[in-house]
Amino acid sequence: MRPTTQEEKFWRHVDKKGTDECWEWQGSLRKGYGFFKHHEDGRPRKISVHRFSFELHKGKMDAGKQCCHTCDNPKCVNPRHLFEGTGMDNVRDAMEKGRRTQNGELNKSRKLDPAKIRGIRLYRRQKYTQQNIAQRYNVSVALIGQILRGKIWTHVR
C-alpha cells in the first residue's frame, strides 16, 4: 500500500529505536544529511528531513533559521535532538564540540591572508577573471567566487 500523506512518506524512512535515542533516516542522503520531497502549497520542494521533523513536532521555523542537532548525528530526526538556530549558532556548536576546524585567519593551513584577500578584490576590480585570480593565488575558482560574492572573508575590507 502506498503512503498517502507527507507524514506517512516521511515515517516510512525513519528507524525509531527509542524515545531518547537517535531516530535515523533510512532514505536518500546528500552529504550525510537526509532529504525529503515535501509538497508545500501544491508545489514539490526538497527539505532536510531533520527540519521536516522539527516542523512536524514543534511548528514552523522562522525564516532564515536552521535546524541544528544536539546529537551531532546528521541522519537523526528525533525532535528531542533538534533545535532552531542561526547559521552562526550551528557553527559555534560545531566548533565547541570539535567538529569544525577554524576558518580564515585562524586556520593554520590557510593559503590566504587579509592582504591576499584585498589583492583578490583589487584584481577583480581591474577586470581580471576569477580563473586568472585563482591561478595567481593557487586556489580554486570556487573559493575566489565565494570571496567575491561576500560569502567568506567578509571581515576583511
C-alpha atoms as a PDB file:
ATOM      1  CA  MET A   1       0.000   0.000   0.000  1.00  0.00           C
ATOM      2  CA  ARG A   2       1.389   3.416  -0.980  1.00  0.00           C
ATOM      3  CA  PRO A   3       1.589   6.052   1.728  1.00  0.00           C
ATOM      4  CA  THR A   4      -0.741   8.936   1.012  1.00  0.00           C
ATOM      5  CA  THR A   5       0.263  11.788   3.276  1.00  0.00           C
ATOM      6  CA  GLN A   6       3.613  13.571   3.583  1.00  0.00           C
ATOM      7  CA  GLU A   7       3.873  12.337   7.169  1.00  0.00           C
ATOM      8  CA  GLU A   8       3.326   8.715   6.135  1.00  0.00           C
ATOM      9  CA  LYS A   9       6.003   9.035   3.451  1.00  0.00           C
ATOM     10  CA  PHE A  10       8.375  10.562   5.989  1.00  0.00           C
ATOM     11  CA  TRP A  11       7.813   7.945   8.724  1.00  0.00           C
ATOM     12  CA  ARG A  12       8.291   5.098   6.242  1.00  0.00           C
ATOM     13  CA  HIS A  13      12.010   6.016   6.143  1.00  0.00           C
ATOM     14  CA  VAL A  14      12.611   6.572   9.884  1.00  0.00           C
ATOM     15  CA  ASP A  15      14.112   3.950  12.225  1.00  0.00           C
ATOM     16  CA  LYS A  16      12.734   4.868  15.674  1.00  0.00           C
ATOM     17  CA  LYS A  17      14.884   2.987  18.163  1.00  0.00           C
ATOM     18  CA  GLY A  18      13.612   4.666  21.312  1.00  0.00           C
ATOM     19  CA  THR A  19      12.373   7.994  22.576  1.00  0.00           C
ATOM     20  CA  ASP A  20      15.787   9.234  23.811  1.00  0.00           C
ATOM     21  CA  GLU A  21      17.953   7.723  21.092  1.00  0.00           C
ATOM     22  CA  CYS A  22      18.572   8.994  17.589  1.00  0.00           C
ATOM     23  CA  TRP A  23      15.814   8.229  15.127  1.00  0.00           C
ATOM     24  CA  GLU A  24      17.791   7.616  11.957  1.00  0.00           C
ATOM     25  CA  TRP A  25      16.674   8.495   8.459  1.00  0.00           C
ATOM     26  CA  GLN A  26      16.875   5.476   6.159  1.00  0.00           C
ATOM     27  CA  GLY A  27      16.046   7.283   2.914  1.00  0.00           C
ATOM     28  CA  SER A  28      18.220   9.209   0.484  1.00  0.00           C
ATOM     29  CA  LEU A  29      21.160  11.253   1.735  1.00  0.00           C
ATOM     30  CA  ARG A  30      23.139  14.235   0.477  1.00  0.00           C
ATOM     31  CA  LYS A  31      26.463  14.893   2.226  1.00  0.00           C
ATOM     32  CA  GLY A  32      25.298  12.640   5.070  1.00  0.00           C
ATOM     33  CA  TYR A  33      22.019  14.501   5.644  1.00  0.00           C
ATOM     34  CA  GLY A  34      18.610  13.132   4.717  1.00  0.00           C
ATOM     35  CA  PHE A  35      16.399  14.945   2.243  1.00  0.00           C
ATOM     36  CA  PHE A  36      12.735  14.510   1.532  1.00  0.00           C
ATOM     37  CA  LYS A  37      10.484  15.711  -1.270  1.00  0.00           C
ATOM     38  CA  HIS A  38       7.831  17.735   0.515  1.00  0.00           C
ATOM     39  CA  HIS A  39       4.768  19.291  -1.081  1.00  0.00           C
ATOM     40  CA  GLU A  40       4.025  22.761   0.179  1.00  0.00           C
ATOM     41  CA  ASP A  41       1.286  24.908  -1.322  1.00  0.00           C
ATOM     42  CA  GLY A  42       0.828  22.234  -4.001  1.00  0.00           C
ATOM     43  CA  ARG A  43       4.452  22.531  -5.154  1.00  0.00           C
ATOM     44  CA  PRO A  44       7.138  19.916  -4.520  1.00  0.00           C
ATOM     45  CA  ARG A  45      10.359  21.045  -2.859  1.00  0.00           C
ATOM     46  CA  LYS A  46      13.226  19.278  -1.163  1.00  0.00           C
ATOM     47  CA  ILE A  47      13.563  19.802   2.564  1.00  0.00           C
ATOM     48  CA  SER A  48      16.036  18.363   5.041  1.00  0.00           C
ATOM     49  CA  VAL A  49      14.410  15.570   6.998  1.00  0.00           C
ATOM     50  CA  HIS A  50      15.540  16.960  10.340  1.00  0.00           C
ATOM     51  CA  ARG A  51      13.850  20.273   9.503  1.00  0.00           C
ATOM     52  CA  PHE A  52      10.710  18.414   8.394  1.00  0.00           C
ATOM     53  CA  SER A  53      10.702  16.516  11.712  1.00  0.00           C
ATOM     54  CA  PHE A  54      11.288  19.716  13.704  1.00  0.00           C
ATOM     55  CA  GLU A  55       8.381  21.478  11.985  1.00  0.00           C
ATOM     56  CA  LEU A  56       6.165  18.402  12.309  1.00  0.00           C
ATOM     57  CA  HIS A  57       6.696  18.242  16.075  1.00  0.00           C
ATOM     58  CA  LYS A  58       7.458  21.830  17.123  1.00  0.00           C
ATOM     59  CA  GLY A  59       5.928  24.065  14.457  1.00  0.00           C
ATOM     60  CA  LYS A  60       7.183  26.149  11.554  1.00  0.00           C
ATOM     61  CA  MET A  61      10.711  27.510  11.843  1.00  0.00           C
ATOM     62  CA  ASP A  62      11.422  31.200  11.427  1.00  0.00           C
ATOM     63  CA  ALA A  63      12.687  32.270   8.007  1.00  0.00           C
ATOM     64  CA  GLY A  64      16.463  32.238   7.808  1.00  0.00           C
ATOM     65  CA  LYS A  65      16.839  29.836  10.733  1.00  0.00           C
ATOM     66  CA  GLN A  66      18.485  26.436  10.574  1.00  0.00           C
ATOM     67  CA  CYS A  67      17.590  23.155  12.194  1.00  0.00           C
ATOM     68  CA  CYS A  68      20.565  22.037  14.289  1.00  0.00           C
ATOM     69  CA  HIS A  69      21.406  18.734  16.008  1.00  0.00           C
ATOM     70  CA  THR A  70      22.410  18.388  19.660  1.00  0.00           C
ATOM     71  CA  CYS A  71      23.401  14.759  18.999  1.00  0.00           C
ATOM     72  CA  ASP A  72      25.748  15.542  16.069  1.00  0.00           C
ATOM     73  CA  ASN A  73      24.143  12.763  14.007  1.00  0.00           C
ATOM     74  CA  PRO A  74      23.177  14.190  10.591  1.00  0.00           C
ATOM     75  CA  LYS A  75      20.742  11.296   9.973  1.00  0.00           C
ATOM     76  CA  CYS A  76      18.840  11.921  13.235  1.00  0.00           C
ATOM     77  CA  VAL A  77      15.253  13.214  13.082  1.00  0.00           C
ATOM     78  CA  ASN A  78      14.382  12.832  16.784  1.00  0.00           C
ATOM     79  CA  PRO A  79      12.769  16.178  17.728  1.00  0.00           C
ATOM     80  CA  ARG A  80      14.371  15.951  21.195  1.00  0.00           C
ATOM     81  CA  HIS A  81      17.752  16.221  19.464  1.00  0.00           C
ATOM     82  CA  LEU A  82      16.865  19.222  17.279  1.00  0.00           C
ATOM     83  CA  PHE A  83      16.924  22.945  17.938  1.00  0.00           C
ATOM     84  CA  GLU A  84      16.310  26.079  15.917  1.00  0.00           C
ATOM     85  CA  GLY A  85      19.255  28.404  15.479  1.00  0.00           C
ATOM     86  CA  THR A  86      21.113  30.760  13.221  1.00  0.00           C
ATOM     87  CA  GLY A  87      23.927  29.680  10.948  1.00  0.00           C
ATOM     88  CA  MET A  88      26.334  31.167  13.478  1.00  0.00           C
ATOM     89  CA  ASP A  89      24.713  29.135  16.294  1.00  0.00           C
ATOM     90  CA  ASN A  90      25.288  25.996  14.240  1.00  0.00           C
ATOM     91  CA  VAL A  91      28.939  26.883  13.520  1.00  0.00           C
ATOM     92  CA  ARG A  92      29.578  27.792  17.166  1.00  0.00           C
ATOM     93  CA  ASP A  93      28.038  24.494  18.320  1.00  0.00           C
ATOM     94  CA  ALA A  94      30.203  22.533  15.855  1.00  0.00           C
ATOM     95  CA  MET A  95      33.380  24.365  16.897  1.00  0.00           C
ATOM     96  CA  GLU A  96      32.673  23.905  20.626  1.00  0.00           C
ATOM     97  CA  LYS A  97      32.288  20.168  20.020  1.00  0.00           C
ATOM     98  CA  GLY A  98      35.416  19.980  17.878  1.00  0.00           C
ATOM     99  CA  ARG A  99      33.550  19.016  14.708  1.00  0.00           C
ATOM    100  CA  ARG A 100      34.669  22.020  12.694  1.00  0.00           C
ATOM    101  CA  THR A 101      38.089  23.499  12.222  1.00  0.00           C
ATOM    102  CA  GLN A 102      38.839  27.180  12.270  1.00  0.00           C
ATOM    103  CA  ASN A 103      38.343  29.029   9.012  1.00  0.00           C
ATOM    104  CA  GLY A 104      40.052  32.091   7.648  1.00  0.00           C
ATOM    105  CA  GLU A 105      42.873  33.682   9.576  1.00  0.00           C
ATOM    106  CA  LEU A 106      42.601  31.209  12.469  1.00  0.00           C
ATOM    107  CA  ASN A 107      43.201  28.203  10.208  1.00  0.00           C
ATOM    108  CA  LYS A 108      46.923  27.423  10.371  1.00  0.00           C
ATOM    109  CA  SER A 109      46.885  25.654   6.980  1.00  0.00           C
ATOM    110  CA  ARG A 110      45.237  28.526   5.101  1.00  0.00           C
ATOM    111  CA  LYS A 111      46.625  29.707   1.768  1.00  0.00           C
ATOM    112  CA  LEU A 112      45.212  33.223   2.021  1.00  0.00           C
ATOM    113  CA  ASP A 113      45.556  36.081   4.469  1.00  0.00           C
ATOM    114  CA  PRO A 114      43.912  39.528   4.683  1.00  0.00           C
ATOM    115  CA  ALA A 115      46.495  41.131   2.357  1.00  0.00           C
ATOM    116  CA  LYS A 116      45.847  38.485  -0.310  1.00  0.00           C
ATOM    117  CA  ILE A 117      42.072  38.898   0.090  1.00  0.00           C
ATOM    118  CA  ARG A 118      42.451  42.620  -0.593  1.00  0.00           C
ATOM    119  CA  GLY A 119      44.620  41.774  -3.606  1.00  0.00           C
ATOM    120  CA  ILE A 120      41.976  39.373  -4.942  1.00  0.00           C
ATOM    121  CA  ARG A 121      39.337  42.078  -4.728  1.00  0.00           C
ATOM    122  CA  LEU A 122      41.660  44.594  -6.377  1.00  0.00           C
ATOM    123  CA  TYR A 123      42.417  42.242  -9.277  1.00  0.00           C
ATOM    124  CA  ARG A 124      38.702  41.722  -9.801  1.00  0.00           C
ATOM    125  CA  ARG A 125      38.075  45.478  -9.912  1.00  0.00           C
ATOM    126  CA  GLN A 126      40.821  45.600 -12.548  1.00  0.00           C
ATOM    127  CA  LYS A 127      38.739  43.135 -14.629  1.00  0.00           C
ATOM    128  CA  TYR A 128      40.861  40.007 -14.109  1.00  0.00           C
ATOM    129  CA  THR A 129      38.782  36.824 -14.462  1.00  0.00           C
ATOM    130  CA  GLN A 130      38.130  34.612 -11.468  1.00  0.00           C
ATOM    131  CA  GLN A 131      40.142  31.884 -13.183  1.00  0.00           C
ATOM    132  CA  ASN A 132      43.170  34.213 -13.604  1.00  0.00           C
ATOM    133  CA  ILE A 133      42.931  35.251  -9.954  1.00  0.00           C
ATOM    134  CA  ALA A 134      42.607  31.644  -8.773  1.00  0.00           C
ATOM    135  CA  GLN A 135      45.715  30.636 -10.741  1.00  0.00           C
ATOM    136  CA  ARG A 136      47.669  33.614  -9.373  1.00  0.00           C
ATOM    137  CA  TYR A 137      46.893  32.590  -5.757  1.00  0.00           C
ATOM    138  CA  ASN A 138      46.936  28.806  -6.358  1.00  0.00           C
ATOM    139  CA  VAL A 139      43.363  28.322  -5.086  1.00  0.00           C
ATOM    140  CA  SER A 140      40.127  27.145  -6.684  1.00  0.00           C
ATOM    141  CA  VAL A 141      37.854  29.305  -8.801  1.00  0.00           C
ATOM    142  CA  ALA A 142      35.044  28.361  -6.392  1.00  0.00           C
ATOM    143  CA  LEU A 143      36.987  29.857  -3.481  1.00  0.00           C
ATOM    144  CA  ILE A 144      37.578  33.079  -5.412  1.00  0.00           C
ATOM    145  CA  GLY A 145      33.856  33.214  -6.214  1.00  0.00           C
ATOM    146  CA  GLN A 146      32.921  32.848  -2.538  1.00  0.00           C
ATOM    147  CA  ILE A 147      35.292  35.662  -1.588  1.00  0.00           C
ATOM    148  CA  LEU A 148      33.995  37.984  -4.303  1.00  0.00           C
ATOM    149  CA  ARG A 149      30.330  37.247  -3.506  1.00  0.00           C
ATOM    150  CA  GLY A 150      30.944  38.080   0.152  1.00  0.00           C
ATOM    151  CA  LYS A 151      30.339  34.556   1.449  1.00  0.00           C
ATOM    152  CA  ILE A 152      33.697  34.253   3.229  1.00  0.00           C
ATOM    153  CA  TRP A 153      36.413  36.612   4.483  1.00  0.00           C
ATOM    154  CA  THR A 154      33.699  39.214   4.981  1.00  0.00           C
ATOM    155  CA  HIS A 155      35.575  40.860   7.852  1.00  0.00           C
ATOM    156  CA  VAL A 156      38.443  41.935   5.579  1.00  0.00           C
ATOM    157  CA  ARG A 157      37.976  45.355   3.980  1.00  0.00           C
END
